[in-house]
N, C-alpha and C. Protein backbone atom coordinates (compact mmCIF):
# COMPACT_ATOMS: atom_id res chain seq x y z
N MET A 1 183.83 60.36 124.29
CA MET A 1 185.14 59.85 124.06
C MET A 1 186.19 60.78 124.47
N GLN A 2 187.16 60.40 125.20
CA GLN A 2 188.19 61.14 125.66
C GLN A 2 189.31 61.22 124.57
N PRO A 3 189.75 62.48 124.34
CA PRO A 3 190.85 62.55 123.29
C PRO A 3 192.25 62.05 124.00
N THR A 4 192.92 61.61 123.26
CA THR A 4 194.28 61.28 123.58
C THR A 4 195.32 61.68 122.67
N LEU A 5 196.56 61.81 123.30
CA LEU A 5 197.79 62.24 122.52
C LEU A 5 198.73 61.10 122.40
N ASP A 6 199.09 60.61 121.32
CA ASP A 6 200.14 59.41 121.18
C ASP A 6 201.46 59.95 121.57
N GLY A 7 202.45 58.96 121.88
CA GLY A 7 203.65 59.45 122.18
C GLY A 7 204.42 60.34 121.38
N ALA A 8 204.21 60.15 120.04
CA ALA A 8 204.74 61.07 118.97
C ALA A 8 204.49 62.56 119.29
N TYR A 9 203.23 62.79 119.59
CA TYR A 9 202.90 64.24 119.95
C TYR A 9 203.55 64.69 121.26
N TRP A 10 203.64 63.85 122.28
CA TRP A 10 204.45 64.23 123.47
C TRP A 10 205.89 64.45 123.23
N LEU A 11 206.47 63.59 122.42
CA LEU A 11 207.83 63.85 122.06
C LEU A 11 208.08 65.03 121.25
N GLY A 12 207.24 65.46 120.40
CA GLY A 12 207.26 66.63 119.65
C GLY A 12 206.98 67.83 120.52
N LEU A 13 206.17 67.69 121.49
CA LEU A 13 206.09 68.91 122.42
C LEU A 13 207.41 69.05 123.41
N ALA A 14 207.90 67.93 123.71
CA ALA A 14 209.19 68.07 124.47
C ALA A 14 210.38 68.71 123.62
N ILE A 15 210.30 68.27 122.28
CA ILE A 15 211.30 68.73 121.42
C ILE A 15 211.14 70.31 121.23
N SER A 16 209.88 70.68 121.14
CA SER A 16 209.47 72.15 120.99
C SER A 16 210.33 72.97 122.25
N VAL A 17 210.09 72.37 123.31
CA VAL A 17 210.70 73.10 124.51
C VAL A 17 212.22 73.30 124.47
N VAL A 18 212.98 72.22 123.71
CA VAL A 18 214.28 72.36 123.72
C VAL A 18 214.92 73.11 122.53
N LEU A 19 214.03 73.30 121.47
CA LEU A 19 214.59 73.85 120.29
C LEU A 19 215.07 75.24 120.49
N PRO A 20 214.57 76.18 121.34
CA PRO A 20 215.18 77.46 121.53
C PRO A 20 216.63 77.29 122.03
N VAL A 21 216.96 76.35 122.86
CA VAL A 21 218.28 76.11 123.32
C VAL A 21 219.21 75.73 122.18
N LEU A 22 218.69 74.86 121.21
CA LEU A 22 219.37 74.49 120.10
C LEU A 22 219.73 75.70 119.20
N VAL A 23 218.80 76.56 118.95
CA VAL A 23 218.86 77.76 118.13
C VAL A 23 219.99 78.58 118.82
N GLY A 24 220.12 78.67 120.22
CA GLY A 24 221.23 79.42 120.99
C GLY A 24 222.50 78.86 120.67
N LEU A 25 222.59 77.41 120.68
CA LEU A 25 223.82 76.72 120.46
C LEU A 25 224.54 76.99 119.09
N VAL A 26 223.63 77.23 118.04
CA VAL A 26 224.04 77.35 116.59
C VAL A 26 224.26 78.78 116.38
N THR A 27 223.81 79.74 116.99
CA THR A 27 223.82 81.25 116.88
C THR A 27 224.75 81.83 117.99
N THR A 28 225.18 83.02 117.72
CA THR A 28 225.87 83.89 118.66
C THR A 28 225.03 84.97 119.19
N ARG A 29 225.55 85.74 120.16
CA ARG A 29 224.77 86.78 120.82
C ARG A 29 224.51 87.93 119.81
N VAL A 30 225.36 88.10 118.77
CA VAL A 30 225.30 89.16 117.73
C VAL A 30 224.46 88.76 116.48
N THR A 31 224.01 87.52 116.42
CA THR A 31 223.10 87.11 115.37
C THR A 31 221.86 87.98 115.64
N HIS A 32 221.33 88.54 114.29
CA HIS A 32 220.12 89.27 114.43
C HIS A 32 218.97 88.45 114.93
N PRO A 33 218.07 88.96 115.91
CA PRO A 33 217.04 88.18 116.38
C PRO A 33 216.09 87.64 115.31
N GLY A 34 215.94 88.44 114.25
CA GLY A 34 215.02 87.83 113.18
C GLY A 34 215.68 86.64 112.44
N THR A 35 216.86 86.50 112.44
CA THR A 35 217.60 85.29 111.93
C THR A 35 217.30 84.13 112.91
N LYS A 36 217.37 84.41 114.17
CA LYS A 36 217.21 83.41 115.29
C LYS A 36 215.62 82.94 115.08
N ALA A 37 214.68 83.94 114.97
CA ALA A 37 213.25 83.64 114.77
C ALA A 37 212.96 82.74 113.57
N VAL A 38 213.66 83.15 112.45
CA VAL A 38 213.38 82.26 111.25
C VAL A 38 213.90 80.87 111.42
N LEU A 39 215.09 80.71 112.16
CA LEU A 39 215.68 79.53 112.49
C LEU A 39 214.77 78.66 113.23
N LEU A 40 214.24 79.34 114.34
CA LEU A 40 213.31 78.56 115.09
C LEU A 40 211.94 78.20 114.38
N LEU A 41 211.65 79.08 113.52
CA LEU A 41 210.35 78.75 112.70
C LEU A 41 210.65 77.46 111.83
N ALA A 42 211.83 77.48 111.15
CA ALA A 42 212.23 76.44 110.38
C ALA A 42 212.20 75.09 111.11
N LEU A 43 212.87 75.17 112.29
CA LEU A 43 213.02 73.95 113.08
C LEU A 43 211.83 73.38 113.66
N THR A 44 210.84 74.28 114.11
CA THR A 44 209.45 73.90 114.57
C THR A 44 208.66 73.34 113.39
N ALA A 45 208.76 73.96 112.10
CA ALA A 45 208.20 73.20 111.00
C ALA A 45 208.51 71.86 110.77
N ALA A 46 209.85 71.62 110.83
CA ALA A 46 210.29 70.31 110.63
C ALA A 46 209.80 69.40 111.80
N ASN A 47 209.82 69.81 112.93
CA ASN A 47 209.21 69.15 114.11
C ASN A 47 207.75 68.81 113.83
N GLY A 48 206.94 69.76 113.64
CA GLY A 48 205.56 69.51 113.30
C GLY A 48 205.21 68.61 112.19
N PHE A 49 205.93 68.76 111.08
CA PHE A 49 205.62 67.81 110.07
C PHE A 49 206.14 66.37 110.16
N LEU A 50 207.41 66.36 110.94
CA LEU A 50 207.77 65.02 111.25
C LEU A 50 207.02 64.22 112.37
N VAL A 51 206.43 65.03 113.24
CA VAL A 51 205.57 64.38 114.20
C VAL A 51 204.27 63.78 113.55
N GLU A 52 203.75 64.58 112.62
CA GLU A 52 202.63 64.12 111.96
C GLU A 52 203.07 62.81 111.11
N LEU A 53 204.16 62.86 110.51
CA LEU A 53 204.72 61.74 109.65
C LEU A 53 204.70 60.57 110.56
N ALA A 54 205.38 60.73 111.73
CA ALA A 54 205.55 59.44 112.70
C ALA A 54 204.27 59.13 113.31
N ASN A 55 203.19 59.81 113.16
CA ASN A 55 201.84 59.33 113.69
C ASN A 55 200.80 59.48 112.84
N ALA A 56 200.98 59.18 111.58
CA ALA A 56 200.07 59.47 110.36
C ALA A 56 198.75 58.66 110.70
N GLY A 57 198.75 57.60 111.27
CA GLY A 57 197.53 56.80 111.46
C GLY A 57 196.97 56.44 110.20
N ASP A 58 195.66 56.80 109.88
CA ASP A 58 195.06 56.54 108.70
C ASP A 58 195.56 57.17 107.36
N GLY A 59 196.47 58.24 107.54
CA GLY A 59 196.92 58.93 106.54
C GLY A 59 197.58 60.21 106.84
N TYR A 60 198.56 60.85 106.24
CA TYR A 60 199.14 61.86 106.48
C TYR A 60 198.25 63.15 106.32
N GLN A 61 198.12 64.02 107.26
CA GLN A 61 197.19 65.06 107.24
C GLN A 61 197.99 66.35 107.29
N VAL A 62 198.09 67.08 106.24
CA VAL A 62 198.79 68.40 106.24
C VAL A 62 198.25 69.42 107.20
N GLY A 63 196.88 69.50 107.31
CA GLY A 63 196.22 70.33 108.25
C GLY A 63 196.72 70.04 109.55
N SER A 64 196.79 68.82 110.08
CA SER A 64 197.41 68.49 111.39
C SER A 64 198.78 68.88 111.64
N ALA A 65 199.78 68.61 110.51
CA ALA A 65 201.04 69.15 110.57
C ALA A 65 201.27 70.58 110.78
N LEU A 66 200.31 71.39 110.05
CA LEU A 66 200.27 72.70 110.21
C LEU A 66 199.82 73.23 111.63
N VAL A 67 199.02 72.51 112.19
CA VAL A 67 198.52 72.96 113.58
C VAL A 67 199.69 72.57 114.57
N LEU A 68 200.25 71.44 114.19
CA LEU A 68 201.53 70.98 115.10
C LEU A 68 202.69 72.05 115.02
N TRP A 69 202.90 72.39 113.85
CA TRP A 69 203.90 73.45 113.63
C TRP A 69 203.57 74.81 114.42
N ALA A 70 202.32 75.15 114.31
CA ALA A 70 201.91 76.25 115.09
C ALA A 70 202.10 76.16 116.61
N VAL A 71 201.75 75.05 117.12
CA VAL A 71 201.81 74.62 118.52
C VAL A 71 203.43 74.58 118.86
N SER A 72 204.12 73.93 118.10
CA SER A 72 205.55 73.89 118.20
C SER A 72 206.23 75.24 118.26
N PHE A 73 205.80 76.00 117.49
CA PHE A 73 206.47 77.36 117.42
C PHE A 73 206.10 78.30 118.73
N ALA A 74 204.71 78.16 118.86
CA ALA A 74 204.31 78.93 120.14
C ALA A 74 204.86 78.32 121.45
N THR A 75 205.13 77.04 121.43
CA THR A 75 205.70 76.60 122.65
C THR A 75 207.18 76.79 122.74
N GLY A 76 207.92 76.78 121.61
CA GLY A 76 209.31 77.19 121.64
C GLY A 76 209.53 78.70 122.00
N VAL A 77 208.63 79.53 121.60
CA VAL A 77 208.72 80.97 121.92
C VAL A 77 208.40 81.20 123.38
N LEU A 78 207.44 80.51 123.80
CA LEU A 78 207.13 80.50 125.21
C LEU A 78 208.20 80.00 126.21
N ALA A 79 208.67 78.83 125.78
CA ALA A 79 209.82 78.24 126.49
C ALA A 79 211.03 79.21 126.58
N HIS A 80 211.24 79.93 125.48
CA HIS A 80 212.53 80.71 125.32
C HIS A 80 212.27 81.92 126.35
N PHE A 81 211.10 82.61 126.13
CA PHE A 81 210.91 83.79 127.13
C PHE A 81 210.45 83.40 128.57
N GLY A 82 209.81 82.30 128.76
CA GLY A 82 209.41 82.06 130.02
C GLY A 82 210.18 81.13 130.90
N LEU A 83 211.06 80.31 130.30
CA LEU A 83 211.99 79.39 130.93
C LEU A 83 213.49 79.62 130.68
N TRP A 84 213.92 79.53 129.50
CA TRP A 84 215.25 79.58 129.16
C TRP A 84 215.94 80.93 129.20
N LYS A 85 215.35 81.90 128.86
CA LYS A 85 215.88 83.24 129.00
C LYS A 85 215.95 83.75 130.61
N PRO A 86 214.86 83.61 131.32
CA PRO A 86 215.05 84.11 132.78
C PRO A 86 216.04 83.17 133.51
N THR A 87 216.26 81.96 133.12
CA THR A 87 216.99 81.10 134.00
C THR A 87 218.56 81.21 133.38
N GLY A 88 218.81 81.88 132.40
CA GLY A 88 220.14 82.09 131.85
C GLY A 88 220.62 80.99 130.91
N VAL A 89 219.80 80.03 130.64
CA VAL A 89 220.21 79.01 129.66
C VAL A 89 220.24 79.46 128.40
N SER A 90 219.58 80.47 127.89
CA SER A 90 219.73 80.93 126.52
C SER A 90 221.08 81.54 126.34
N GLY A 91 221.55 82.43 127.33
CA GLY A 91 222.70 83.06 127.13
C GLY A 91 223.91 82.20 127.34
N LYS A 92 223.96 81.10 128.10
CA LYS A 92 224.95 80.14 128.19
C LYS A 92 224.92 79.32 126.87
N ALA A 93 223.86 79.02 126.25
CA ALA A 93 224.03 78.30 125.14
C ALA A 93 224.48 79.12 123.91
N GLN A 94 224.20 80.52 123.91
CA GLN A 94 224.83 81.36 123.02
C GLN A 94 226.31 81.62 123.09
N ASP A 95 226.76 81.48 124.37
CA ASP A 95 228.15 81.70 124.75
C ASP A 95 228.99 80.44 124.24
N VAL A 96 228.26 79.29 124.12
CA VAL A 96 228.90 78.00 123.58
C VAL A 96 229.04 78.25 122.10
N GLY A 97 227.98 78.78 121.52
CA GLY A 97 228.03 78.96 120.04
C GLY A 97 229.14 80.07 119.73
N ALA A 98 229.27 81.08 120.50
CA ALA A 98 230.26 81.98 120.37
C ALA A 98 231.74 81.51 120.52
N ARG A 99 231.97 80.63 121.38
CA ARG A 99 233.24 80.04 121.60
C ARG A 99 233.64 79.09 120.40
N SER A 100 232.60 78.26 120.00
CA SER A 100 233.03 77.32 118.82
C SER A 100 233.21 78.20 117.71
N SER A 101 232.46 79.41 117.35
CA SER A 101 232.83 80.13 116.18
C SER A 101 234.10 80.86 116.34
N VAL A 102 234.63 81.26 117.41
CA VAL A 102 235.89 81.78 117.58
C VAL A 102 237.02 80.77 117.23
N ARG A 103 236.76 79.50 117.83
CA ARG A 103 237.79 78.49 117.57
C ARG A 103 237.80 78.09 116.06
N SER A 104 236.76 78.08 115.36
CA SER A 104 236.78 77.69 113.98
C SER A 104 237.33 78.86 113.10
N ALA A 105 237.32 80.09 113.62
CA ALA A 105 237.94 81.24 112.87
C ALA A 105 239.39 81.26 113.06
N ALA A 106 239.78 80.67 114.27
CA ALA A 106 241.39 80.65 114.48
C ALA A 106 242.19 79.88 113.75
């Protein structure tokens, strides 16, 4: 039997790749890296549990949601350091966050 991944899992994986950019948009360059990591951890947790909820099938499996969370977090970290940071997208996203926080302070 060939294992298959439903559309919800593929969508969750795609979201995992984009989540580091979202973290960059809502934080600034001076935000502590630990804070960014916790924010990414929280967002990937939501992603993992929502993907399992969207594709529960016979029933919601917390174990599957935890695995999806781990895969989502690992994918997000790898995407950040392997794709977004080297191409400069992370820095540009944080510049957008810095500009919006300066505007709101003014």
